[in-house]
């Protein structure tokens, strides 16, 4: 009696293994693609939160409201009477404090195509409320869907506390 596999048994085992692996590979690619999509969406969401919180902090800590230059520039004065300018420039929300140079608030991986400020100061000037709306998206320009995040629109407002 000989031990071992016949050629037919070997071909049958290889075929079964190939079918099982062939069905698992697309499933694994979907998992990997989902992780990349999740990371891209998370980057856009975190950048939206960072930009929103920074704008709100600057408005709340301002001493006074100077002007809005439509649609995307807000001029404030801080407690040291320094100029604070928040503006949209080439897809970046920038902050310029005291003319020291603009600092980008969003990362190079994201793009802000639209930013709008609206002045909702009360008629008696007791409350100085500034609303802002911006849209943020990823900077990926390729065709692979897993790297394209959905654009996110953020709308918020803050009151100047330095009245």
Protein backbone atom coordinates (compact mmCIF):
# COMPACT_ATOMS: atom_id res chain seq x y z
CA UNK A 1 0.00 0.00 0.00
CA UNK A 2 1.34 3.39 -1.01
CA UNK A 3 0.90 6.53 1.05
CA UNK A 4 0.25 9.93 -0.53
CA UNK A 5 -2.25 11.76 -2.72
CA UNK A 6 -3.35 10.93 -6.19
CA UNK A 7 -3.13 13.59 -8.85
CA UNK A 8 -6.93 14.00 -8.90
CA UNK A 9 -7.06 14.52 -5.12
CA UNK A 10 -4.31 17.11 -5.35
CA UNK A 11 -6.07 19.02 -8.15
CA UNK A 12 -9.33 18.90 -6.17
CA UNK A 13 -7.69 20.29 -3.00
CA UNK A 14 -5.93 23.08 -4.93
CA UNK A 15 -9.22 24.02 -6.61
CA UNK A 16 -11.06 24.17 -3.27
CA UNK A 17 -8.33 26.36 -1.72
CA UNK A 18 -8.34 28.65 -4.79
CA UNK A 19 -12.12 29.10 -4.58
CA UNK A 20 -11.98 29.90 -0.86
CA UNK A 21 -9.12 32.39 -1.27
CA UNK A 22 -10.74 33.90 -4.35
CA UNK A 23 -13.87 34.66 -2.36
CA UNK A 24 -11.95 36.16 0.58
CA UNK A 25 -9.73 38.56 -1.38
CA UNK A 26 -12.53 40.96 -2.48
CA UNK A 27 -13.82 40.99 1.10
CA UNK A 28 -10.35 41.95 2.38
CA UNK A 29 -10.05 44.74 -0.22
CA UNK A 30 -13.40 46.16 0.90
CA UNK A 31 -12.18 46.24 4.50
CA UNK A 32 -8.95 48.00 3.52
CA UNK A 33 -10.83 50.50 1.32
CA UNK A 34 -13.31 51.19 4.12
CA UNK A 35 -10.49 51.97 6.53
CA UNK A 36 -8.94 54.48 4.10
CA UNK A 37 -12.34 56.12 3.50
CA UNK A 38 -12.89 56.37 7.25
CA UNK A 39 -9.48 57.99 7.76
CA UNK A 40 -10.18 60.53 5.00
CA UNK A 41 -13.60 61.41 6.45
CA UNK A 42 -12.05 61.70 9.91
CA UNK A 43 -9.37 64.11 8.63
CA UNK A 44 -12.01 66.40 7.09
CA UNK A 45 -14.18 66.27 10.23
CA UNK A 46 -11.32 67.00 12.61
CA UNK A 47 -10.09 69.91 10.47
CA UNK A 48 -13.64 71.33 10.37
CA UNK A 49 -13.81 71.16 14.17
CA UNK A 50 -10.38 72.78 14.58
CA UNK A 51 -11.19 75.67 12.22
CA UNK A 52 -14.62 76.21 13.77
CA UNK A 53 -13.33 76.25 17.34
CA UNK A 54 -10.46 78.61 16.47
CA UNK A 55 -12.81 81.08 14.77
CA UNK A 56 -15.22 80.93 17.73
CA UNK A 57 -12.36 81.45 20.20
CA UNK A 58 -11.07 84.49 18.31
CA UNK A 59 -14.56 86.04 18.12
CA UNK A 60 -15.29 85.39 21.81
CA UNK A 61 -11.93 86.78 22.96
CA UNK A 62 -12.11 89.87 20.76
CA UNK A 63 -12.49 93.28 22.33
CA UNK A 64 -14.48 94.70 19.43
CA UNK A 65 -15.82 94.00 15.99
CA UNK A 66 -14.26 96.14 13.25
CA UNK A 67 -15.71 94.97 9.92
CA UNK A 68 -16.66 92.18 7.58
CA UNK A 69 -15.34 92.44 4.06
CA UNK A 70 -17.78 90.25 2.11
CA UNK A 71 -17.81 87.42 1.87
CA UNK A 72 -14.79 85.92 3.59
CA UNK A 73 -12.86 88.39 5.76
CA UNK A 74 -13.53 89.24 9.40
CA UNK A 75 -11.65 92.07 11.12
CA UNK A 76 -11.58 92.17 14.93
CA UNK A 77 -9.60 93.93 17.63
CA UNK A 78 -8.16 91.91 20.52
CA UNK A 79 -7.80 93.04 24.15
CA UNK A 80 -4.36 94.53 23.37
CA UNK A 81 -5.88 96.59 20.50
CA UNK A 82 -4.11 94.42 17.93
CA UNK A 83 -5.83 93.73 14.64
CA UNK A 84 -7.10 90.16 14.20
CA UNK A 85 -8.01 89.21 10.62
CA UNK A 86 -9.61 85.88 9.69
CA UNK A 87 -9.88 85.35 5.97
CA UNK A 88 -10.10 82.75 3.21
CA UNK A 89 -7.15 82.65 0.84
CA UNK A 90 -6.48 79.96 -1.78
CA UNK A 91 -8.45 77.27 0.04
CA UNK A 92 -6.95 78.08 3.44
CA UNK A 93 -8.64 79.81 6.36
CA UNK A 94 -5.94 82.09 7.73
CA UNK A 95 -5.52 84.03 10.95
CA UNK A 96 -3.36 87.16 11.03
CA UNK A 97 -2.87 88.67 14.47
CA UNK A 98 -1.30 92.12 14.70
CA UNK A 99 0.09 91.97 11.17
CA UNK A 100 2.55 89.25 12.21
CA UNK A 101 1.78 87.13 9.16
CA UNK A 102 -1.03 84.78 8.25
CA UNK A 103 -1.24 81.32 9.81
CA UNK A 104 -3.31 78.64 8.08
CA UNK A 105 -5.95 77.10 10.33
CA UNK A 106 -6.67 74.05 8.13
CA UNK A 107 -4.13 71.45 7.01
CA UNK A 108 -2.67 70.97 3.54
CA UNK A 109 -4.83 67.82 3.23
CA UNK A 110 -8.02 69.90 3.25
CA UNK A 111 -9.48 72.70 1.16
CA UNK A 112 -12.02 75.35 2.18
CA UNK A 113 -13.77 76.57 -0.98
CA UNK A 114 -16.28 78.83 0.79
CA UNK A 115 -16.33 80.95 3.96
CA UNK A 116 -18.94 83.56 4.86
CA UNK A 117 -19.20 85.88 7.85
CA UNK A 118 -22.43 87.63 8.83
CA UNK A 119 -22.81 90.36 11.44
CA UNK A 120 -25.81 89.87 13.73
CA UNK A 121 -25.04 92.73 16.11
CA UNK A 122 -28.14 93.97 17.93
CA UNK A 123 -29.53 97.42 17.13
CA UNK A 124 -28.49 98.74 20.56
CA UNK A 125 -24.96 97.23 20.20
CA UNK A 126 -25.32 95.33 23.48
CA UNK A 127 -24.72 91.98 21.80
CA UNK A 128 -22.22 91.58 18.99
CA UNK A 129 -22.84 88.23 17.37
CA UNK A 130 -20.92 86.97 14.32
CA UNK A 131 -22.13 83.98 12.31
CA UNK A 132 -19.81 82.02 10.05
CA UNK A 133 -20.44 79.30 7.51
CA UNK A 134 -17.75 77.35 5.69
CA UNK A 135 -17.42 74.25 3.56
CA UNK A 136 -14.41 72.00 3.92
CA UNK A 137 -13.34 69.15 1.65
CA UNK A 138 -10.33 66.92 1.11
CA UNK A 139 -7.55 67.93 -1.27
CA UNK A 140 -7.46 64.62 -3.15
CA UNK A 141 -7.84 65.07 -6.90
CA UNK A 142 -7.53 61.45 -8.05
CA UNK A 143 -10.21 59.03 -9.15
CA UNK A 144 -10.10 56.49 -6.32
CA UNK A 145 -13.33 56.83 -4.35
CA UNK A 146 -11.93 55.68 -1.03
CA UNK A 147 -9.73 58.81 -0.90
CA UNK A 148 -12.60 61.23 -1.61
CA UNK A 149 -14.37 62.52 1.48
CA UNK A 150 -17.78 64.14 1.30
CA UNK A 151 -17.66 67.92 1.67
CA UNK A 152 -18.69 69.11 5.12
CA UNK A 153 -20.53 72.40 5.75
CA UNK A 154 -20.16 73.96 9.19
CA UNK A 155 -22.40 76.75 10.46
CA UNK A 156 -21.87 78.39 13.82
CA UNK A 157 -21.79 81.72 15.60
CA UNK A 158 -20.16 83.38 18.56
CA UNK A 159 -20.66 86.51 20.58
CA UNK A 160 -17.92 89.02 21.23
CA UNK A 161 -17.50 89.02 25.01
CA UNK A 162 -15.31 92.11 25.24
CA UNK A 163 -18.26 94.53 25.12
